[in-house]
Protein backbone atom coordinates (compact mmCIF):
# COMPACT_ATOMS: atom_id res chain seq x y z
CA UNK A 1 -17.10 87.02 -6.75
CA UNK A 2 -17.87 89.15 -9.83
CA UNK A 3 -18.94 92.67 -8.85
CA UNK A 4 -22.22 92.15 -10.75
CA UNK A 5 -23.27 89.54 -8.19
CA UNK A 6 -22.09 91.28 -5.01
CA UNK A 7 -25.64 92.29 -4.08
CA UNK A 8 -27.20 88.90 -4.78
CA UNK A 9 -28.33 87.04 -1.67
CA UNK A 10 -30.35 83.86 -2.33
CA UNK A 11 -33.54 83.96 -0.29
CA UNK A 12 -34.28 80.35 0.58
CA UNK A 13 -37.50 81.36 2.38
CA UNK A 14 -38.96 83.12 -0.67
CA UNK A 15 -41.77 81.62 -2.77
CA UNK A 16 -39.68 82.48 -5.85
CA UNK A 17 -37.47 79.51 -6.80
CA UNK A 18 -33.74 80.12 -6.37
CA UNK A 19 -33.03 79.62 -10.07
CA UNK A 20 -35.52 82.37 -10.93
CA UNK A 21 -33.95 84.67 -8.32
CA UNK A 22 -30.56 84.16 -9.94
CA UNK A 23 -31.98 84.47 -13.46
CA UNK A 24 -33.64 87.78 -12.52
CA UNK A 25 -30.40 89.09 -10.99
CA UNK A 26 -28.42 88.22 -14.10
CA UNK A 27 -31.14 89.55 -16.42
CA UNK A 28 -31.28 92.89 -14.60
CA UNK A 29 -27.50 93.16 -14.71
CA UNK A 30 -27.39 92.45 -18.44
CA UNK A 31 -30.17 94.95 -19.15
CA UNK A 32 -28.45 97.69 -17.11
CA UNK A 33 -25.08 97.13 -18.77
CA UNK A 34 -23.27 95.59 -15.78
CA UNK A 35 -22.34 92.66 -18.05
CA UNK A 36 -20.78 93.55 -21.39
CA UNK A 37 -21.59 91.82 -24.68
CA UNK A 38 -19.50 88.67 -25.21
CA UNK A 39 -18.32 88.74 -21.58
CA UNK A 40 -17.93 85.26 -20.11
CA UNK A 41 -20.29 84.23 -17.33
CA UNK A 42 -18.84 82.22 -14.41
CA UNK A 43 -19.36 78.48 -14.86
CA UNK A 44 -22.19 76.60 -13.15
CA UNK A 45 -19.69 75.16 -10.69
CA UNK A 46 -18.23 78.58 -9.85
CA UNK A 47 -21.68 80.15 -9.48
CA UNK A 48 -22.86 77.38 -7.18
CA UNK A 49 -19.77 77.72 -4.96
CA UNK A 50 -19.84 81.52 -4.84
CA UNK A 51 -23.57 81.82 -4.15
CA UNK A 52 -24.03 78.67 -2.03
CA UNK A 53 -26.59 77.18 -4.38
CA UNK A 54 -26.69 73.85 -6.18
CA UNK A 55 -25.26 73.38 -9.65
CA UNK A 56 -28.75 72.35 -10.77
CA UNK A 57 -30.06 75.76 -9.66
CA UNK A 58 -27.26 77.57 -11.51
CA UNK A 59 -27.87 75.46 -14.62
CA UNK A 60 -31.61 76.16 -14.64
CA UNK A 61 -31.00 79.92 -14.33
CA UNK A 62 -28.55 79.85 -17.23
CA UNK A 63 -30.89 77.67 -19.30
CA UNK A 64 -33.70 80.19 -18.78
CA UNK A 65 -31.59 83.11 -20.01
CA UNK A 66 -30.29 81.07 -22.96
CA UNK A 67 -33.93 80.46 -23.96
CA UNK A 68 -34.55 84.22 -23.75
CA UNK A 69 -31.55 84.85 -26.01
CA UNK A 70 -29.65 86.79 -23.32
CA UNK A 71 -26.92 84.17 -22.92
CA UNK A 72 -25.15 82.01 -25.50
CA UNK A 73 -23.45 78.70 -24.78
CA UNK A 74 -20.31 77.98 -26.81
CA UNK A 75 -19.30 74.35 -26.78
CA UNK A 76 -15.98 73.79 -25.08
CA UNK A 77 -15.66 77.46 -24.16
CA UNK A 78 -18.40 78.54 -21.74
CA UNK A 79 -21.42 80.80 -21.50
CA UNK A 80 -21.32 84.37 -22.77
CA UNK A 81 -23.48 87.49 -22.74
CA UNK A 82 -25.25 87.63 -26.11
CA UNK A 83 -24.62 90.84 -28.08
CA UNK A 84 -27.98 92.60 -28.31
CA UNK A 85 -28.92 95.76 -30.15
CA UNK A 86 -32.07 97.49 -28.90
CA UNK A 87 -33.07 100.20 -31.35
CA UNK A 88 -35.78 102.66 -30.35
CA UNK A 89 -38.40 103.27 -33.01
CA UNK A 90 -38.93 106.85 -31.87
CA UNK A 91 -35.48 108.09 -32.89
CA UNK A 92 -33.80 108.17 -36.32
CA UNK A 93 -30.20 107.11 -35.76
CA UNK A 94 -27.70 105.06 -37.69
CA UNK A 95 -26.63 101.53 -36.92
CA UNK A 96 -23.15 102.80 -36.07
CA UNK A 97 -24.49 105.44 -33.66
CA UNK A 98 -26.66 102.94 -31.80
CA UNK A 99 -23.80 100.47 -31.41
CA UNK A 100 -21.32 103.11 -30.26
CA UNK A 101 -23.75 104.35 -27.61
CA UNK A 102 -23.92 100.80 -26.21
CA UNK A 103 -20.19 100.20 -26.17
CA UNK A 104 -19.98 97.99 -29.28
CA UNK A 105 -17.53 98.41 -32.13
CA UNK A 106 -19.54 98.81 -35.34
CA UNK A 107 -18.22 97.49 -38.62
CA UNK A 108 -19.14 96.73 -42.23
CA UNK A 109 -18.14 93.98 -44.61
CA UNK A 110 -18.86 95.24 -48.09
CA UNK A 111 -20.48 92.89 -50.60
CA UNK A 112 -21.44 95.42 -53.30
CA UNK A 113 -20.89 99.12 -54.12
CA UNK A 114 -21.82 100.26 -57.61
CA UNK A 115 -23.97 102.56 -59.79
CA UNK A 116 -26.89 101.34 -61.91
CA UNK A 117 -30.26 102.35 -63.30
CA UNK A 118 -33.08 102.33 -60.76
CA UNK A 119 -35.35 99.28 -60.83
CA UNK A 120 -39.16 99.71 -60.77
CA UNK A 121 -39.46 99.18 -56.99
CA UNK A 122 -36.64 101.66 -56.37
CA UNK A 123 -38.31 104.20 -58.65
CA UNK A 124 -41.58 103.84 -56.76
CA UNK A 125 -40.09 103.91 -53.25
CA UNK A 126 -37.80 106.88 -53.90
CA UNK A 127 -40.12 108.81 -56.22
CA UNK A 128 -37.62 108.84 -59.09
CA UNK A 129 -38.03 109.31 -62.82
CA UNK A 130 -37.34 106.39 -65.21
CA UNK A 131 -33.66 105.76 -66.06
CA UNK A 132 -32.44 107.61 -62.96
CA UNK A 133 -28.99 106.35 -61.86
CA UNK A 134 -28.71 105.12 -58.27
CA UNK A 135 -25.92 103.93 -55.99
CA UNK A 136 -26.41 100.45 -54.53
CA UNK A 137 -24.69 99.29 -51.39
CA UNK A 138 -24.83 95.81 -49.89
CA UNK A 139 -22.98 94.90 -46.72
CA UNK A 140 -22.92 92.87 -43.55
CA UNK A 141 -23.37 95.00 -40.43
CA UNK A 142 -21.28 93.77 -37.54
CA UNK A 143 -20.99 94.45 -33.81
CA UNK A 144 -17.66 93.39 -32.31
CA UNK A 145 -17.15 91.31 -35.49
CA UNK A 146 -20.47 89.44 -35.02
CA UNK A 147 -22.81 89.70 -38.04
CA UNK A 148 -25.99 91.42 -36.86
CA UNK A 149 -27.69 92.22 -40.16
CA UNK A 150 -27.55 92.02 -43.95
CA UNK A 151 -28.25 95.45 -45.41
CA UNK A 152 -29.00 96.58 -48.96
CA UNK A 153 -29.29 100.33 -49.61
CA UNK A 154 -30.27 102.38 -52.66
CA UNK A 155 -29.35 106.08 -52.82
CA UNK A 156 -30.00 108.36 -55.81
CA UNK A 157 -26.64 108.93 -57.51
CA UNK A 158 -27.32 112.67 -57.20
CA UNK A 159 -26.53 112.30 -53.49
CA UNK A 160 -23.85 109.61 -53.88
CA UNK A 161 -21.92 109.77 -57.16
CA UNK A 162 -19.15 107.51 -55.84
CA UNK A 163 -20.41 104.73 -53.51
CA UNK A 164 -16.83 103.60 -52.82
CA UNK A 165 -16.31 106.80 -50.85
CA UNK A 166 -18.58 105.44 -48.09
CA UNK A 167 -16.63 103.81 -45.28
CA UNK A 168 -18.42 102.38 -42.22
CA UNK A 169 -21.18 104.92 -41.58
CA UNK A 170 -23.66 105.69 -44.36
CA UNK A 171 -25.32 108.42 -42.33
CA UNK A 172 -21.89 109.87 -41.53
CA UNK A 173 -21.26 110.15 -45.29
CA UNK A 174 -24.67 111.73 -45.94
CA UNK A 175 -24.25 114.20 -43.09
CA UNK A 176 -20.79 115.22 -44.34
CA UNK A 177 -22.36 115.93 -47.75
CA UNK A 178 -25.32 117.89 -46.38
CA UNK A 179 -27.92 115.23 -47.15
CA UNK A 180 -28.63 113.70 -43.75
CA UNK A 181 -32.16 112.18 -43.47
CA UNK A 182 -34.48 113.98 -41.09
CA UNK A 183 -37.34 111.47 -40.96
CA UNK A 184 -38.03 107.92 -42.08
CA UNK A 185 -40.84 105.43 -42.54
CA UNK A 186 -40.04 101.87 -41.48
CA UNK A 187 -41.96 98.64 -42.03
CA UNK A 188 -40.99 95.61 -39.98
CA UNK A 189 -42.00 92.01 -40.53
CA UNK A 190 -40.81 88.55 -39.62
CA UNK A 191 -39.26 86.35 -42.32
CA UNK A 192 -37.33 83.09 -42.52
CA UNK A 193 -33.73 83.20 -43.71
CA UNK A 194 -33.14 81.81 -47.18
CA UNK A 195 -29.98 79.87 -48.03
CA UNK A 196 -27.91 82.93 -48.95
CA UNK A 197 -29.02 84.95 -45.92
CA UNK A 198 -28.32 82.01 -43.62
CA UNK A 199 -24.81 81.63 -45.04
CA UNK A 200 -24.01 85.34 -44.74
CA UNK A 201 -25.40 85.69 -41.22
CA UNK A 202 -24.02 82.35 -40.00
CA UNK A 203 -27.44 81.07 -38.93
CA UNK A 204 -29.47 77.98 -39.93
CA UNK A 205 -31.56 78.21 -43.10
CA UNK A 206 -35.14 78.99 -42.15
CA UNK A 207 -34.14 80.79 -38.94
CA UNK A 208 -36.28 83.79 -37.97
CA UNK A 209 -35.09 87.22 -39.08
CA UNK A 210 -36.54 90.73 -38.92
CA UNK A 211 -36.96 92.37 -42.33
CA UNK A 212 -36.94 96.15 -41.99
CA UNK A 213 -37.74 98.33 -44.99
CA UNK A 214 -36.81 101.98 -44.44
CA UNK A 215 -37.37 104.99 -46.69
CA UNK A 216 -35.66 108.13 -45.39
CA UNK A 217 -36.37 111.72 -46.38
CA UNK A 218 -34.51 115.01 -46.42
CA UNK A 219 -35.91 118.11 -44.74
CA UNK A 220 -37.35 119.23 -48.09
CA UNK A 221 -39.34 115.98 -48.44
CA UNK A 222 -37.14 114.31 -51.07
CA UNK A 223 -36.51 110.62 -50.54
CA UNK A 224 -32.78 109.99 -50.10
CA UNK A 225 -32.52 106.36 -48.93
CA UNK A 226 -34.19 102.99 -49.45
CA UNK A 227 -32.77 100.29 -47.19
CA UNK A 228 -33.72 96.66 -46.74
CA UNK A 229 -32.23 95.15 -43.58
CA UNK A 230 -32.42 91.48 -42.65
CA UNK A 231 -31.57 91.38 -38.96
CA UNK A 232 -30.78 88.41 -36.76
CA UNK A 233 -33.68 88.13 -34.35
CA UNK A 234 -31.45 86.63 -31.65
CA UNK A 235 -29.24 89.74 -31.60
CA UNK A 236 -31.55 92.55 -32.68
CA UNK A 237 -34.78 93.93 -31.27
CA UNK A 238 -36.82 97.11 -31.51
CA UNK A 239 -38.15 99.01 -28.52
CA UNK A 240 -41.21 101.27 -28.69
CA UNK A 241 -42.50 103.46 -25.86
CA UNK A 242 -46.22 104.18 -25.85
CA UNK A 243 -47.93 106.94 -23.92
CA UNK A 244 -51.57 107.63 -23.24
């Protein structure tokens, strides 16, 4: 039996259905990191034999977690733990930092890296003067080679004269050059993926995505970064803690 299920004892006398007991056990294990992203879950048959429950019970528990986005069924292969990135809103960290802290391997697939003249929206968001040159970066952000987000970033060329010098971590580059952001304003809204976004993220056209617009600032108040991120809602979620 997998170590993650050693403590699970189906309580047939409980008012809670067995499939919900199993679903809760699996959910708690996933949330606490006992199951790693993309790790295979035992099959319905194996679960039923190990735990002395019916295959119908095992199937209903798996179905419930698939609906929650915690498990992913792959035809002909099995059921796997869905990669999930929970990013706290109270802390300014990079995509790479968040993934590394959760045991993922962060990566980038570059689509664009060049210098151009700032467009009106970029001028407004970054507080720039007309005809200011900016670096533009567009890439796919990946976790263990799974596309999690499509990201477009604008940085004043003053802080990034050669965008090709950026490797995987944008914030790593900025920190190495003494221009690490110290605060940021983020706006989050739900959108539907257009044809290009669907193709890049390998999701159906019209699927729900999270559109995050972030403007980051240096300690002296100067805006250093404008980023638009289109994140897969099945793999990406924000967590906010509120206190009274």
